[in-house]
Amino acid sequence: MNELKKILVAEDDPKDAELMLIALEEFKVANNIVLVKDGAEALDYLHKRGKYSERENKNPIVAFLDLKMPKVDGITVAREVKSDPKLKTIPIVIVTSSREEKDLVESYNIGVNAYVVKPVEFEKFIETVKQLGIFWALINEPPV
């Protein structure tokens, strides 16, 4: 891979974040995974604010967002991304424990690309994240 591909992972649960990192790194789907702990930090990264003000201009190839995060929730982050002309082409995958119909419907209504309920079993969770990473990082063709 000549081009540096970044994946943004916004997850406040340390165990789930670690599992996502293990799955994504194990399959080498991206050169760089940016892990943020809440929606506010995700927005800072995407808008190049605060400690991310010097990051390169290239957007991540995909953003994995938890729904229930402190400060700013995943729905709010997704809504802001999809309404910003500079960010709206970033694929957003909601990875959540929420099975609530309203969360699913609202996510798709604002333009998320996928809504995945976190499997409870360790192996299934790892495999699900691997498959998501492979699709978004290796198979999907983002706009230039």
C-alpha atoms as a PDB file:
ATOM      1  CA  MET A   1       0.000   0.000   0.000  1.00  0.00           C
ATOM      2  CA  ASN A   2       1.604   3.236  -1.097  1.00  0.00           C
ATOM      3  CA  GLU A   3      -1.147   5.424   0.207  1.00  0.00           C
ATOM      4  CA  LEU A   4      -1.596   5.923   3.945  1.00  0.00           C
ATOM      5  CA  LYS A   5      -5.109   4.802   4.834  1.00  0.00           C
ATOM      6  CA  LYS A   6      -6.584   5.827   8.162  1.00  0.00           C
ATOM      7  CA  ILE A   7      -9.527   4.376  10.031  1.00  0.00           C
ATOM      8  CA  LEU A   8     -11.213   6.400  12.762  1.00  0.00           C
ATOM      9  CA  VAL A   9     -12.562   4.391  15.710  1.00  0.00           C
ATOM     10  CA  ALA A  10     -14.668   6.271  18.270  1.00  0.00           C
ATOM     11  CA  GLU A  11     -15.322   3.960  21.215  1.00  0.00           C
ATOM     12  CA  ASP A  12     -15.527   4.819  24.911  1.00  0.00           C
ATOM     13  CA  ASP A  13     -15.476   1.247  26.248  1.00  0.00           C
ATOM     14  CA  PRO A  14     -11.796   0.273  26.641  1.00  0.00           C
ATOM     15  CA  LYS A  15     -12.508  -3.454  26.134  1.00  0.00           C
ATOM     16  CA  ASP A  16     -14.504  -2.917  22.942  1.00  0.00           C
ATOM     17  CA  ALA A  17     -11.883  -0.465  21.676  1.00  0.00           C
ATOM     18  CA  GLU A  18      -9.127  -3.013  22.294  1.00  0.00           C
ATOM     19  CA  LEU A  19     -11.079  -5.728  20.459  1.00  0.00           C
ATOM     20  CA  MET A  20     -11.655  -3.438  17.487  1.00  0.00           C
ATOM     21  CA  LEU A  21      -7.959  -2.544  17.341  1.00  0.00           C
ATOM     22  CA  ILE A  22      -6.936  -6.201  17.547  1.00  0.00           C
ATOM     23  CA  ALA A  23      -9.296  -7.144  14.719  1.00  0.00           C
ATOM     24  CA  LEU A  24      -8.312  -4.263  12.451  1.00  0.00           C
ATOM     25  CA  GLU A  25      -4.582  -4.534  13.073  1.00  0.00           C
ATOM     26  CA  GLU A  26      -4.516  -8.315  12.757  1.00  0.00           C
ATOM     27  CA  PHE A  27      -5.818  -8.147   9.216  1.00  0.00           C
ATOM     28  CA  LYS A  28      -3.654  -5.153   8.240  1.00  0.00           C
ATOM     29  CA  VAL A  29      -6.603  -3.293   6.725  1.00  0.00           C
ATOM     30  CA  ALA A  30      -5.131   0.137   7.350  1.00  0.00           C
ATOM     31  CA  ASN A  31      -1.756   1.678   7.940  1.00  0.00           C
ATOM     32  CA  ASN A  32      -3.059   3.817  10.765  1.00  0.00           C
ATOM     33  CA  ILE A  33      -5.959   3.474  13.167  1.00  0.00           C
ATOM     34  CA  VAL A  34      -6.946   6.578  15.089  1.00  0.00           C
ATOM     35  CA  LEU A  35      -8.720   5.716  18.351  1.00  0.00           C
ATOM     36  CA  VAL A  36     -10.726   8.410  20.110  1.00  0.00           C
ATOM     37  CA  LYS A  37     -12.625   8.004  23.377  1.00  0.00           C
ATOM     38  CA  ASP A  38     -15.730  10.077  22.720  1.00  0.00           C
ATOM     39  CA  GLY A  39     -17.717  11.923  20.095  1.00  0.00           C
ATOM     40  CA  ALA A  40     -16.202  15.302  20.920  1.00  0.00           C
ATOM     41  CA  GLU A  41     -12.719  13.961  20.231  1.00  0.00           C
ATOM     42  CA  ALA A  42     -13.963  12.344  16.999  1.00  0.00           C
ATOM     43  CA  LEU A  43     -15.269  15.727  15.828  1.00  0.00           C
ATOM     44  CA  ASP A  44     -11.998  17.415  16.822  1.00  0.00           C
ATOM     45  CA  TYR A  45     -10.119  14.866  14.712  1.00  0.00           C
ATOM     46  CA  LEU A  46     -12.434  15.215  11.721  1.00  0.00           C
ATOM     47  CA  HIS A  47     -12.451  19.032  11.846  1.00  0.00           C
ATOM     48  CA  LYS A  48      -8.689  19.245  12.586  1.00  0.00           C
ATOM     49  CA  ARG A  49      -9.161  21.031  15.913  1.00  0.00           C
ATOM     50  CA  GLY A  50      -7.167  21.038  19.132  1.00  0.00           C
ATOM     51  CA  LYS A  51      -4.502  18.337  19.291  1.00  0.00           C
ATOM     52  CA  TYR A  52      -5.472  17.263  15.749  1.00  0.00           C
ATOM     53  CA  SER A  53      -5.019  20.699  14.163  1.00  0.00           C
ATOM     54  CA  GLU A  54      -1.785  19.581  12.480  1.00  0.00           C
ATOM     55  CA  ARG A  55      -3.055  16.269  11.093  1.00  0.00           C
ATOM     56  CA  GLU A  56      -2.880  15.705   7.345  1.00  0.00           C
ATOM     57  CA  ASN A  57      -5.810  16.846   5.217  1.00  0.00           C
ATOM     58  CA  LYS A  58      -6.770  13.352   4.080  1.00  0.00           C
ATOM     59  CA  ASN A  59      -9.990  12.094   5.651  1.00  0.00           C
ATOM     60  CA  PRO A  60     -10.230   8.582   7.114  1.00  0.00           C
ATOM     61  CA  ILE A  61     -11.415   5.879   4.724  1.00  0.00           C
ATOM     62  CA  VAL A  62     -14.114   4.920   7.251  1.00  0.00           C
ATOM     63  CA  ALA A  63     -15.297   5.977  10.709  1.00  0.00           C
ATOM     64  CA  PHE A  64     -16.508   3.378  13.199  1.00  0.00           C
ATOM     65  CA  LEU A  65     -18.708   5.093  15.790  1.00  0.00           C
ATOM     66  CA  ASP A  66     -20.232   3.783  18.978  1.00  0.00           C
ATOM     67  CA  LEU A  67     -23.689   5.240  19.580  1.00  0.00           C
ATOM     68  CA  LYS A  68     -23.571   5.757  23.323  1.00  0.00           C
ATOM     69  CA  MET A  69     -20.476   7.847  24.026  1.00  0.00           C
ATOM     70  CA  PRO A  70     -19.804  10.616  26.557  1.00  0.00           C
ATOM     71  CA  LYS A  71     -19.748  14.304  25.594  1.00  0.00           C
ATOM     72  CA  VAL A  72     -21.146  13.798  22.066  1.00  0.00           C
ATOM     73  CA  ASP A  73     -22.987  10.643  21.005  1.00  0.00           C
ATOM     74  CA  GLY A  74     -22.443   8.752  17.771  1.00  0.00           C
ATOM     75  CA  ILE A  75     -25.690   9.968  16.165  1.00  0.00           C
ATOM     76  CA  THR A  76     -24.636  13.588  16.653  1.00  0.00           C
ATOM     77  CA  VAL A  77     -21.192  12.886  15.194  1.00  0.00           C
ATOM     78  CA  ALA A  78     -22.714  11.109  12.192  1.00  0.00           C
ATOM     79  CA  ARG A  79     -25.225  13.903  11.639  1.00  0.00           C
ATOM     80  CA  GLU A  80     -22.469  16.522  11.670  1.00  0.00           C
ATOM     81  CA  VAL A  81     -20.246  14.497   9.326  1.00  0.00           C
ATOM     82  CA  LYS A  82     -23.033  13.859   6.828  1.00  0.00           C
ATOM     83  CA  SER A  83     -24.002  17.551   6.791  1.00  0.00           C
ATOM     84  CA  ASP A  84     -20.444  18.811   6.165  1.00  0.00           C
ATOM     85  CA  PRO A  85     -19.442  18.991   2.465  1.00  0.00           C
ATOM     86  CA  LYS A  86     -15.788  18.223   3.335  1.00  0.00           C
ATOM     87  CA  LEU A  87     -16.665  15.141   5.393  1.00  0.00           C
ATOM     88  CA  LYS A  88     -19.923  13.729   4.037  1.00  0.00           C
ATOM     89  CA  THR A  89     -18.273  11.146   1.774  1.00  0.00           C
ATOM     90  CA  ILE A  90     -16.626   9.411   4.754  1.00  0.00           C
ATOM     91  CA  PRO A  91     -18.401   6.080   5.226  1.00  0.00           C
ATOM     92  CA  ILE A  92     -19.805   5.774   8.731  1.00  0.00           C
ATOM     93  CA  VAL A  93     -20.363   2.438  10.425  1.00  0.00           C
ATOM     94  CA  ILE A  94     -22.281   2.492  13.698  1.00  0.00           C
ATOM     95  CA  VAL A  95     -21.007  -0.316  15.934  1.00  0.00           C
ATOM     96  CA  THR A  96     -23.232  -0.468  18.992  1.00  0.00           C
ATOM     97  CA  SER A  97     -24.899  -2.662  21.566  1.00  0.00           C
ATOM     98  CA  SER A  98     -28.201  -0.858  20.948  1.00  0.00           C
ATOM     99  CA  ARG A  99     -30.924  -2.936  19.333  1.00  0.00           C
ATOM    100  CA  GLU A 100     -33.427  -0.094  19.632  1.00  0.00           C
ATOM    101  CA  GLU A 101     -35.420   0.451  16.439  1.00  0.00           C
ATOM    102  CA  LYS A 102     -35.336   4.248  16.875  1.00  0.00           C
ATOM    103  CA  ASP A 103     -31.503   4.249  16.909  1.00  0.00           C
ATOM    104  CA  LEU A 104     -31.374   2.100  13.776  1.00  0.00           C
ATOM    105  CA  VAL A 105     -33.928   4.215  11.890  1.00  0.00           C
ATOM    106  CA  GLU A 106     -32.364   7.519  12.942  1.00  0.00           C
ATOM    107  CA  SER A 107     -28.882   6.308  11.945  1.00  0.00           C
ATOM    108  CA  TYR A 108     -29.974   5.393   8.429  1.00  0.00           C
ATOM    109  CA  ASN A 109     -32.086   8.532   8.091  1.00  0.00           C
ATOM    110  CA  ILE A 110     -29.028  10.730   8.615  1.00  0.00           C
ATOM    111  CA  GLY A 111     -26.976   8.751   6.114  1.00  0.00           C
ATOM    112  CA  VAL A 112     -24.844   6.190   7.952  1.00  0.00           C
ATOM    113  CA  ASN A 113     -23.552   3.424   5.712  1.00  0.00           C
ATOM    114  CA  ALA A 114     -23.973   0.489   8.095  1.00  0.00           C
ATOM    115  CA  TYR A 115     -25.437  -0.280  11.518  1.00  0.00           C
ATOM    116  CA  VAL A 116     -23.879  -3.252  13.302  1.00  0.00           C
ATOM    117  CA  VAL A 117     -24.969  -4.603  16.681  1.00  0.00           C
ATOM    118  CA  LYS A 118     -21.926  -5.742  18.649  1.00  0.00           C
ATOM    119  CA  PRO A 119     -21.883  -9.512  19.076  1.00  0.00           C
ATOM    120  CA  VAL A 120     -21.504 -10.536  22.706  1.00  0.00           C
ATOM    121  CA  GLU A 121     -19.058 -13.367  22.006  1.00  0.00           C
ATOM    122  CA  PHE A 122     -15.393 -12.394  21.676  1.00  0.00           C
ATOM    123  CA  GLU A 123     -14.701 -14.420  18.510  1.00  0.00           C
ATOM    124  CA  LYS A 124     -17.827 -13.161  16.745  1.00  0.00           C
ATOM    125  CA  PHE A 125     -16.993  -9.566  17.644  1.00  0.00           C
ATOM    126  CA  ILE A 126     -13.436  -9.911  16.267  1.00  0.00           C
ATOM    127  CA  GLU A 127     -14.681 -11.580  13.070  1.00  0.00           C
ATOM    128  CA  THR A 128     -17.383  -8.934  12.535  1.00  0.00           C
ATOM    129  CA  VAL A 129     -14.907  -6.062  12.896  1.00  0.00           C
ATOM    130  CA  LYS A 130     -12.422  -7.830  10.582  1.00  0.00           C
ATOM    131  CA  GLN A 131     -15.055  -8.214   7.890  1.00  0.00           C
ATOM    132  CA  LEU A 132     -16.104  -4.576   8.242  1.00  0.00           C
ATOM    133  CA  GLY A 133     -12.505  -3.429   8.020  1.00  0.00           C
ATOM    134  CA  ILE A 134     -11.788  -5.563   4.987  1.00  0.00           C
ATOM    135  CA  PHE A 135     -14.811  -4.204   3.161  1.00  0.00           C
ATOM    136  CA  TRP A 136     -14.307  -0.516   3.959  1.00  0.00           C
ATOM    137  CA  ALA A 137     -10.521  -0.455   3.717  1.00  0.00           C
ATOM    138  CA  LEU A 138      -9.825  -2.889   0.880  1.00  0.00           C
ATOM    139  CA  ILE A 139     -12.952  -3.482  -1.198  1.00  0.00           C
ATOM    140  CA  ASN A 140     -14.973  -0.252  -1.112  1.00  0.00           C
ATOM    141  CA  GLU A 141     -13.909   2.459  -3.558  1.00  0.00           C
ATOM    142  CA  PRO A 142     -14.104   5.903  -1.897  1.00  0.00           C
ATOM    143  CA  PRO A 143     -14.487   9.060  -3.968  1.00  0.00           C
ATOM    144  CA  VAL A 144     -11.210  10.812  -4.715  1.00  0.00           C
END
